[in-house]
Amino acid sequence: MNATTSSTSPDAPPYRGYHDIGGRPAGPVVKDEYAFADWQKLSEAMRGALEAKGRIVSLDEIRRVFESFGEDLYNTLGFYERRAEALTVLLDEKGIVPRAAVLARMDAIAAMECRQVDHEAKTVSGKSAPPTGTEAP
């Protein structure tokens, strides 16, 4: 078998990246519906606007950034968190919005909710009421 031949083993050539999980066992798919948080809606709206308006950011670029995160960060972040981080990286790379400005705004928003952002660990802590519709049963 050569590098261009498919294999049934996920670890045989051609090699798969940590982000390429299609076809791997993952257990049952959770089909619960939940209300999206405002920041998730905003992240999706920003991505759509940046992609539509002169193609400032493309889906291929977002995927490239996802794939550059490294396995630990990729697996730590949720879907919308990865998207927000990828948009932050791309806007900084393109000189549109410096990363420092995004992080400062995140800190300001978190402070209004008595929360704190740990940018290195990519976590938010502190007191805040859960968004409507997401309370645990």
N, C-alpha and C. Protein backbone atom coordinates (compact mmCIF):
# COMPACT_ATOMS: atom_id res chain seq x y z
N MET A 1 0.84 -1.16 0.00
CA MET A 1 0.00 0.00 0.00
C MET A 1 0.90 1.24 0.00
N ASN A 2 0.58 2.24 -0.83
CA ASN A 2 1.39 3.46 -0.86
C ASN A 2 0.62 4.63 -0.23
N ALA A 3 1.24 5.80 -0.20
CA ALA A 3 0.66 6.95 0.49
C ALA A 3 -0.65 7.43 -0.13
N THR A 4 -0.91 7.08 -1.37
CA THR A 4 -2.13 7.53 -2.01
C THR A 4 -3.26 6.51 -1.91
N THR A 5 -2.97 5.36 -1.33
CA THR A 5 -3.97 4.31 -1.21
C THR A 5 -4.69 4.44 0.11
N SER A 6 -6.01 4.30 0.09
CA SER A 6 -6.78 4.36 1.33
C SER A 6 -6.57 3.12 2.16
N SER A 7 -6.81 3.26 3.43
CA SER A 7 -6.68 2.15 4.35
C SER A 7 -7.88 2.15 5.29
N THR A 8 -8.23 1.02 5.82
CA THR A 8 -9.32 0.97 6.78
C THR A 8 -8.85 1.36 8.17
N SER A 9 -7.56 1.38 8.41
CA SER A 9 -7.03 1.77 9.71
C SER A 9 -6.83 3.29 9.74
N PRO A 10 -7.39 3.98 10.79
CA PRO A 10 -7.25 5.44 10.84
C PRO A 10 -5.82 5.90 11.05
N ASP A 11 -4.94 5.00 11.49
CA ASP A 11 -3.56 5.40 11.76
C ASP A 11 -2.59 4.97 10.67
N ALA A 12 -3.09 4.37 9.61
CA ALA A 12 -2.25 3.95 8.50
C ALA A 12 -2.24 5.06 7.44
N PRO A 13 -1.23 5.08 6.58
CA PRO A 13 -1.18 6.10 5.53
C PRO A 13 -2.43 6.03 4.66
N PRO A 14 -2.93 7.11 4.13
CA PRO A 14 -2.50 8.47 4.43
C PRO A 14 -2.91 8.85 5.85
N TYR A 15 -1.99 9.48 6.59
CA TYR A 15 -2.22 9.77 8.00
C TYR A 15 -3.30 10.82 8.19
N ARG A 16 -4.02 10.68 9.29
CA ARG A 16 -5.09 11.61 9.63
C ARG A 16 -4.60 12.56 10.72
N GLY A 17 -5.06 13.76 10.68
CA GLY A 17 -4.75 14.71 11.73
C GLY A 17 -5.67 14.51 12.91
N TYR A 18 -5.32 15.08 14.04
CA TYR A 18 -6.15 14.97 15.24
C TYR A 18 -7.54 15.54 15.02
N HIS A 19 -7.68 16.48 14.10
CA HIS A 19 -8.95 17.13 13.82
C HIS A 19 -9.84 16.33 12.87
N ASP A 20 -9.29 15.32 12.23
CA ASP A 20 -10.03 14.53 11.25
C ASP A 20 -10.64 13.32 11.95
N ILE A 21 -11.83 13.50 12.50
CA ILE A 21 -12.43 12.44 13.32
C ILE A 21 -13.51 11.66 12.58
N GLY A 22 -13.78 12.02 11.35
CA GLY A 22 -14.82 11.33 10.58
C GLY A 22 -14.55 9.83 10.49
N GLY A 23 -15.56 9.02 10.80
CA GLY A 23 -15.44 7.58 10.70
C GLY A 23 -14.85 6.89 11.91
N ARG A 24 -14.37 7.66 12.88
CA ARG A 24 -13.81 7.07 14.10
C ARG A 24 -14.93 6.84 15.10
N PRO A 25 -14.81 5.78 15.91
CA PRO A 25 -15.84 5.55 16.92
C PRO A 25 -15.87 6.69 17.93
N ALA A 26 -17.06 7.17 18.25
CA ALA A 26 -17.16 8.30 19.18
C ALA A 26 -18.34 8.14 20.13
N GLY A 27 -19.04 7.04 20.06
CA GLY A 27 -20.20 6.86 20.92
C GLY A 27 -21.44 7.46 20.30
N PRO A 28 -22.52 7.48 21.05
CA PRO A 28 -23.79 7.98 20.51
C PRO A 28 -23.75 9.49 20.29
N VAL A 29 -24.49 9.94 19.33
CA VAL A 29 -24.60 11.37 19.03
C VAL A 29 -25.70 11.94 19.91
N VAL A 30 -25.37 12.97 20.67
CA VAL A 30 -26.35 13.63 21.53
C VAL A 30 -27.20 14.54 20.64
N LYS A 31 -28.49 14.33 20.67
CA LYS A 31 -29.39 15.09 19.80
C LYS A 31 -30.23 16.09 20.56
N ASP A 32 -29.80 16.45 21.77
CA ASP A 32 -30.54 17.43 22.55
C ASP A 32 -30.46 18.79 21.89
N GLU A 33 -31.55 19.54 21.95
CA GLU A 33 -31.55 20.90 21.44
C GLU A 33 -31.36 21.84 22.62
N TYR A 34 -30.66 22.91 22.39
CA TYR A 34 -30.48 23.90 23.44
C TYR A 34 -30.42 25.28 22.80
N ALA A 35 -30.70 26.27 23.60
CA ALA A 35 -30.64 27.65 23.12
C ALA A 35 -29.19 28.06 22.96
N PHE A 36 -28.88 28.68 21.85
CA PHE A 36 -27.52 29.16 21.63
C PHE A 36 -27.28 30.40 22.48
N ALA A 37 -26.08 30.50 23.03
CA ALA A 37 -25.70 31.68 23.79
C ALA A 37 -25.55 32.85 22.82
N ASP A 38 -25.75 34.06 23.33
CA ASP A 38 -25.64 35.24 22.47
C ASP A 38 -24.29 35.31 21.77
N TRP A 39 -23.18 34.97 22.48
CA TRP A 39 -21.86 35.06 21.88
C TRP A 39 -21.71 34.05 20.75
N GLN A 40 -22.39 32.90 20.84
CA GLN A 40 -22.32 31.91 19.77
C GLN A 40 -23.03 32.44 18.52
N LYS A 41 -24.18 33.06 18.72
CA LYS A 41 -24.91 33.67 17.60
C LYS A 41 -24.07 34.77 16.96
N LEU A 42 -23.45 35.59 17.80
CA LEU A 42 -22.62 36.69 17.30
C LEU A 42 -21.42 36.16 16.53
N SER A 43 -20.80 35.10 17.04
CA SER A 43 -19.66 34.49 16.35
C SER A 43 -20.06 34.01 14.96
N GLU A 44 -21.21 33.36 14.88
CA GLU A 44 -21.69 32.87 13.58
C GLU A 44 -22.03 34.03 12.64
N ALA A 45 -22.64 35.06 13.18
CA ALA A 45 -22.98 36.23 12.37
C ALA A 45 -21.72 36.93 11.85
N MET A 46 -20.71 37.05 12.70
CA MET A 46 -19.45 37.68 12.28
C MET A 46 -18.78 36.86 11.19
N ARG A 47 -18.76 35.54 11.36
CA ARG A 47 -18.15 34.69 10.35
C ARG A 47 -18.87 34.86 9.02
N GLY A 48 -20.19 34.84 9.07
CA GLY A 48 -20.98 35.01 7.84
C GLY A 48 -20.73 36.35 7.17
N ALA A 49 -20.69 37.41 7.97
CA ALA A 49 -20.45 38.74 7.42
C ALA A 49 -19.05 38.86 6.84
N LEU A 50 -18.06 38.33 7.51
CA LEU A 50 -16.68 38.40 7.02
C LEU A 50 -16.49 37.56 5.76
N GLU A 51 -17.25 36.49 5.66
CA GLU A 51 -17.14 35.64 4.47
C GLU A 51 -17.88 36.27 3.29
N ALA A 52 -19.00 36.92 3.55
CA ALA A 52 -19.82 37.48 2.48
C ALA A 52 -19.28 38.82 1.97
N LYS A 53 -18.78 39.65 2.85
CA LYS A 53 -18.34 41.00 2.49
C LYS A 53 -16.92 40.95 1.93
N GLY A 54 -16.79 40.79 0.64
CA GLY A 54 -15.48 40.81 0.00
C GLY A 54 -14.61 39.62 0.37
N ARG A 55 -15.22 38.60 0.92
CA ARG A 55 -14.51 37.38 1.30
C ARG A 55 -13.26 37.69 2.13
N ILE A 56 -13.47 38.46 3.19
CA ILE A 56 -12.38 38.84 4.08
C ILE A 56 -11.79 37.61 4.76
N VAL A 57 -12.67 36.68 5.13
CA VAL A 57 -12.26 35.42 5.75
C VAL A 57 -12.99 34.30 5.02
N SER A 58 -12.28 33.23 4.72
CA SER A 58 -12.91 32.08 4.05
C SER A 58 -12.98 30.88 4.98
N LEU A 59 -13.87 29.97 4.67
CA LEU A 59 -13.99 28.74 5.45
C LEU A 59 -12.69 27.95 5.42
N ASP A 60 -12.00 27.96 4.28
CA ASP A 60 -10.70 27.27 4.19
C ASP A 60 -9.68 27.86 5.15
N GLU A 61 -9.69 29.18 5.32
CA GLU A 61 -8.77 29.82 6.27
C GLU A 61 -9.13 29.42 7.70
N ILE A 62 -10.42 29.39 8.00
CA ILE A 62 -10.84 28.98 9.34
C ILE A 62 -10.38 27.55 9.61
N ARG A 63 -10.54 26.67 8.65
CA ARG A 63 -10.08 25.28 8.82
C ARG A 63 -8.57 25.22 9.03
N ARG A 64 -7.82 26.03 8.27
CA ARG A 64 -6.36 26.05 8.43
C ARG A 64 -5.98 26.41 9.86
N VAL A 65 -6.67 27.41 10.41
CA VAL A 65 -6.36 27.82 11.78
C VAL A 65 -6.76 26.72 12.76
N PHE A 66 -7.95 26.11 12.57
CA PHE A 66 -8.36 24.98 13.42
C PHE A 66 -7.25 23.94 13.47
N GLU A 67 -6.73 23.61 12.30
CA GLU A 67 -5.74 22.54 12.18
C GLU A 67 -4.38 22.94 12.75
N SER A 68 -4.18 24.22 13.01
CA SER A 68 -2.91 24.68 13.57
C SER A 68 -2.95 24.78 15.10
N PHE A 69 -4.12 24.57 15.70
CA PHE A 69 -4.26 24.73 17.15
C PHE A 69 -3.40 23.77 17.95
N GLY A 70 -3.17 22.60 17.44
CA GLY A 70 -2.55 21.53 18.24
C GLY A 70 -3.66 20.73 18.89
N GLU A 71 -3.38 19.48 19.15
CA GLU A 71 -4.42 18.56 19.62
C GLU A 71 -5.04 18.97 20.96
N ASP A 72 -4.22 19.40 21.92
CA ASP A 72 -4.77 19.75 23.23
C ASP A 72 -5.76 20.90 23.14
N LEU A 73 -5.38 22.00 22.49
CA LEU A 73 -6.29 23.14 22.39
C LEU A 73 -7.51 22.78 21.56
N TYR A 74 -7.32 22.11 20.45
CA TYR A 74 -8.44 21.72 19.59
C TYR A 74 -9.47 20.92 20.38
N ASN A 75 -9.01 19.97 21.19
CA ASN A 75 -9.93 19.12 21.94
C ASN A 75 -10.50 19.81 23.18
N THR A 76 -9.88 20.89 23.63
CA THR A 76 -10.36 21.63 24.79
C THR A 76 -11.49 22.58 24.41
N LEU A 77 -11.39 23.17 23.24
CA LEU A 77 -12.38 24.16 22.82
C LEU A 77 -13.59 23.48 22.18
N GLY A 78 -14.76 24.07 22.41
CA GLY A 78 -15.97 23.63 21.73
C GLY A 78 -16.02 24.21 20.33
N PHE A 79 -17.03 23.83 19.56
CA PHE A 79 -17.13 24.27 18.17
C PHE A 79 -17.10 25.78 18.03
N TYR A 80 -17.95 26.49 18.76
CA TYR A 80 -18.01 27.95 18.62
C TYR A 80 -16.79 28.62 19.24
N GLU A 81 -16.21 28.02 20.26
CA GLU A 81 -14.97 28.56 20.83
C GLU A 81 -13.85 28.45 19.81
N ARG A 82 -13.76 27.32 19.09
CA ARG A 82 -12.74 27.18 18.03
C ARG A 82 -12.97 28.23 16.95
N ARG A 83 -14.22 28.42 16.59
CA ARG A 83 -14.53 29.41 15.55
C ARG A 83 -14.13 30.81 16.01
N ALA A 84 -14.46 31.18 17.24
CA ALA A 84 -14.11 32.51 17.74
C ALA A 84 -12.60 32.69 17.79
N GLU A 85 -11.89 31.66 18.24
CA GLU A 85 -10.42 31.74 18.29
C GLU A 85 -9.84 31.85 16.87
N ALA A 86 -10.38 31.09 15.94
CA ALA A 86 -9.89 31.14 14.55
C ALA A 86 -10.13 32.53 13.96
N LEU A 87 -11.30 33.11 14.20
CA LEU A 87 -11.57 34.46 13.68
C LEU A 87 -10.61 35.48 14.31
N THR A 88 -10.33 35.32 15.59
CA THR A 88 -9.39 36.23 16.27
C THR A 88 -8.01 36.13 15.63
N VAL A 89 -7.56 34.92 15.38
CA VAL A 89 -6.25 34.71 14.74
C VAL A 89 -6.23 35.32 13.34
N LEU A 90 -7.25 35.05 12.55
CA LEU A 90 -7.28 35.53 11.16
C LEU A 90 -7.35 37.05 11.08
N LEU A 91 -8.19 37.66 11.91
CA LEU A 91 -8.31 39.12 11.87
C LEU A 91 -7.00 39.78 12.29
N ASP A 92 -6.29 39.15 13.22
CA ASP A 92 -4.98 39.66 13.63
C ASP A 92 -3.96 39.46 12.50
N GLU A 93 -3.93 38.27 11.92
CA GLU A 93 -2.99 37.99 10.81
C GLU A 93 -3.15 38.98 9.66
N LYS A 94 -4.40 39.34 9.38
CA LYS A 94 -4.68 40.22 8.24
C LYS A 94 -4.57 41.70 8.59
N GLY A 95 -4.24 42.00 9.86
CA GLY A 95 -4.07 43.39 10.28
C GLY A 95 -5.38 44.15 10.38
N ILE A 96 -6.50 43.44 10.54
CA ILE A 96 -7.82 44.09 10.61
C ILE A 96 -8.16 44.47 12.04
N VAL A 97 -8.02 43.53 12.97
CA VAL A 97 -8.25 43.78 14.39
C VAL A 97 -7.13 43.09 15.16
N PRO A 98 -6.33 43.85 15.90
CA PRO A 98 -5.25 43.23 16.66
C PRO A 98 -5.80 42.29 17.74
N ARG A 99 -5.13 41.19 17.97
CA ARG A 99 -5.53 40.22 18.99
C ARG A 99 -5.70 40.89 20.36
N ALA A 100 -4.79 41.80 20.68
CA ALA A 100 -4.85 42.49 21.97
C ALA A 100 -6.18 43.23 22.14
N ALA A 101 -6.70 43.80 21.06
CA ALA A 101 -7.97 44.53 21.14
C ALA A 101 -9.12 43.56 21.40
N VAL A 102 -9.10 42.40 20.78
CA VAL A 102 -10.14 41.39 21.01
C VAL A 102 -10.09 40.92 22.46
N LEU A 103 -8.89 40.61 22.95
CA LEU A 103 -8.75 40.13 24.32
C LEU A 103 -9.18 41.19 25.34
N ALA A 104 -8.87 42.45 25.07
CA ALA A 104 -9.28 43.53 25.97
C ALA A 104 -10.80 43.65 26.01
N ARG A 105 -11.43 43.50 24.85
CA ARG A 105 -12.91 43.57 24.80
C ARG A 105 -13.52 42.38 25.53
N MET A 106 -12.92 41.19 25.39
CA MET A 106 -13.41 40.02 26.12
C MET A 106 -13.34 40.27 27.62
N ASP A 107 -12.23 40.86 28.08
CA ASP A 107 -12.07 41.17 29.50
C ASP A 107 -13.15 42.14 29.97
N ALA A 108 -13.44 43.16 29.17
CA ALA A 108 -14.43 44.17 29.54
C ALA A 108 -15.83 43.54 29.63
N ILE A 109 -16.17 42.70 28.69
CA ILE A 109 -17.48 42.04 28.70
C ILE A 109 -17.58 41.11 29.90
N ALA A 110 -16.54 40.33 30.16
CA ALA A 110 -16.54 39.41 31.30
C ALA A 110 -16.69 40.19 32.61
N ALA A 111 -16.00 41.31 32.74
CA ALA A 111 -16.05 42.11 33.96
C ALA A 111 -17.47 42.62 34.22
N MET A 112 -18.20 42.96 33.17
CA MET A 112 -19.59 43.42 33.34
C MET A 112 -20.46 42.31 33.92
N GLU A 113 -20.06 41.06 33.73
CA GLU A 113 -20.82 39.91 34.23
C GLU A 113 -20.16 39.30 35.48
N CYS A 114 -19.24 40.06 36.10
CA CYS A 114 -18.50 39.58 37.28
C CYS A 114 -17.77 38.27 36.98
N ARG A 115 -17.19 38.20 35.81
CA ARG A 115 -16.45 37.02 35.39
C ARG A 115 -15.04 37.44 35.01
N GLN A 116 -14.18 36.45 34.83
CA GLN A 116 -12.79 36.72 34.46
C GLN A 116 -12.37 35.74 33.38
N VAL A 117 -11.63 36.23 32.40
CA VAL A 117 -11.13 35.40 31.31
C VAL A 117 -9.68 35.05 31.57
N ASP A 118 -9.35 33.76 31.47
CA ASP A 118 -7.96 33.32 31.51
C ASP A 118 -7.58 33.04 30.05
N HIS A 119 -6.93 33.99 29.41
CA HIS A 119 -6.65 33.89 27.98
C HIS A 119 -5.68 32.75 27.66
N GLU A 120 -4.76 32.48 28.57
CA GLU A 120 -3.81 31.40 28.32
C GLU A 120 -4.50 30.04 28.37
N ALA A 121 -5.35 29.83 29.37
CA ALA A 121 -6.06 28.55 29.50
C ALA A 121 -7.31 28.50 28.63
N LYS A 122 -7.71 29.65 28.10
CA LYS A 122 -8.91 29.77 27.27
C LYS A 122 -10.15 29.36 28.06
N THR A 123 -10.27 29.91 29.28
CA THR A 123 -11.42 29.62 30.13
C THR A 123 -12.00 30.91 30.69
N VAL A 124 -13.24 30.83 31.15
CA VAL A 124 -13.92 31.95 31.80
C VAL A 124 -14.41 31.44 33.14
N SER A 125 -14.21 32.24 34.19
CA SER A 125 -14.67 31.83 35.52
C SER A 125 -15.39 32.99 36.19
N GLY A 126 -16.09 32.68 37.25
CA GLY A 126 -16.80 33.69 38.02
C GLY A 126 -18.29 33.45 38.01
N LYS A 127 -19.00 34.35 38.66
CA LYS A 127 -20.45 34.20 38.79
C LYS A 127 -21.15 34.82 37.61
N SER A 128 -22.12 34.11 37.11
CA SER A 128 -22.98 34.62 36.06
C SER A 128 -24.18 33.70 35.97
N ALA A 129 -25.32 34.26 35.76
CA ALA A 129 -26.50 33.42 35.59
C ALA A 129 -26.41 32.70 34.25
N PRO A 130 -26.83 31.43 34.19
CA PRO A 130 -26.79 30.74 32.91
C PRO A 130 -27.74 31.39 31.92
N PRO A 131 -27.40 31.37 30.63
CA PRO A 131 -28.29 31.95 29.63
C PRO A 131 -29.66 31.26 29.68
N THR A 132 -30.69 32.02 29.38
CA THR A 132 -32.05 31.48 29.37
C THR A 132 -32.15 30.27 28.46
N GLY A 133 -32.77 29.21 28.98
CA GLY A 133 -32.96 28.00 28.18
C GLY A 133 -31.84 27.00 28.29
N THR A 134 -30.80 27.29 29.09
CA THR A 134 -29.69 26.35 29.21
C THR A 134 -29.53 25.79 30.62
N GLU A 135 -30.48 26.10 31.50
CA GLU A 135 -30.39 25.61 32.87
C GLU A 135 -30.45 24.09 32.88
N ALA A 136 -29.71 23.51 33.81
CA ALA A 136 -29.73 22.06 33.96
C ALA A 136 -31.09 21.63 34.52
N PRO A 137 -31.57 20.45 34.13
CA PRO A 137 -32.88 19.99 34.63
C PRO A 137 -32.83 19.68 36.10
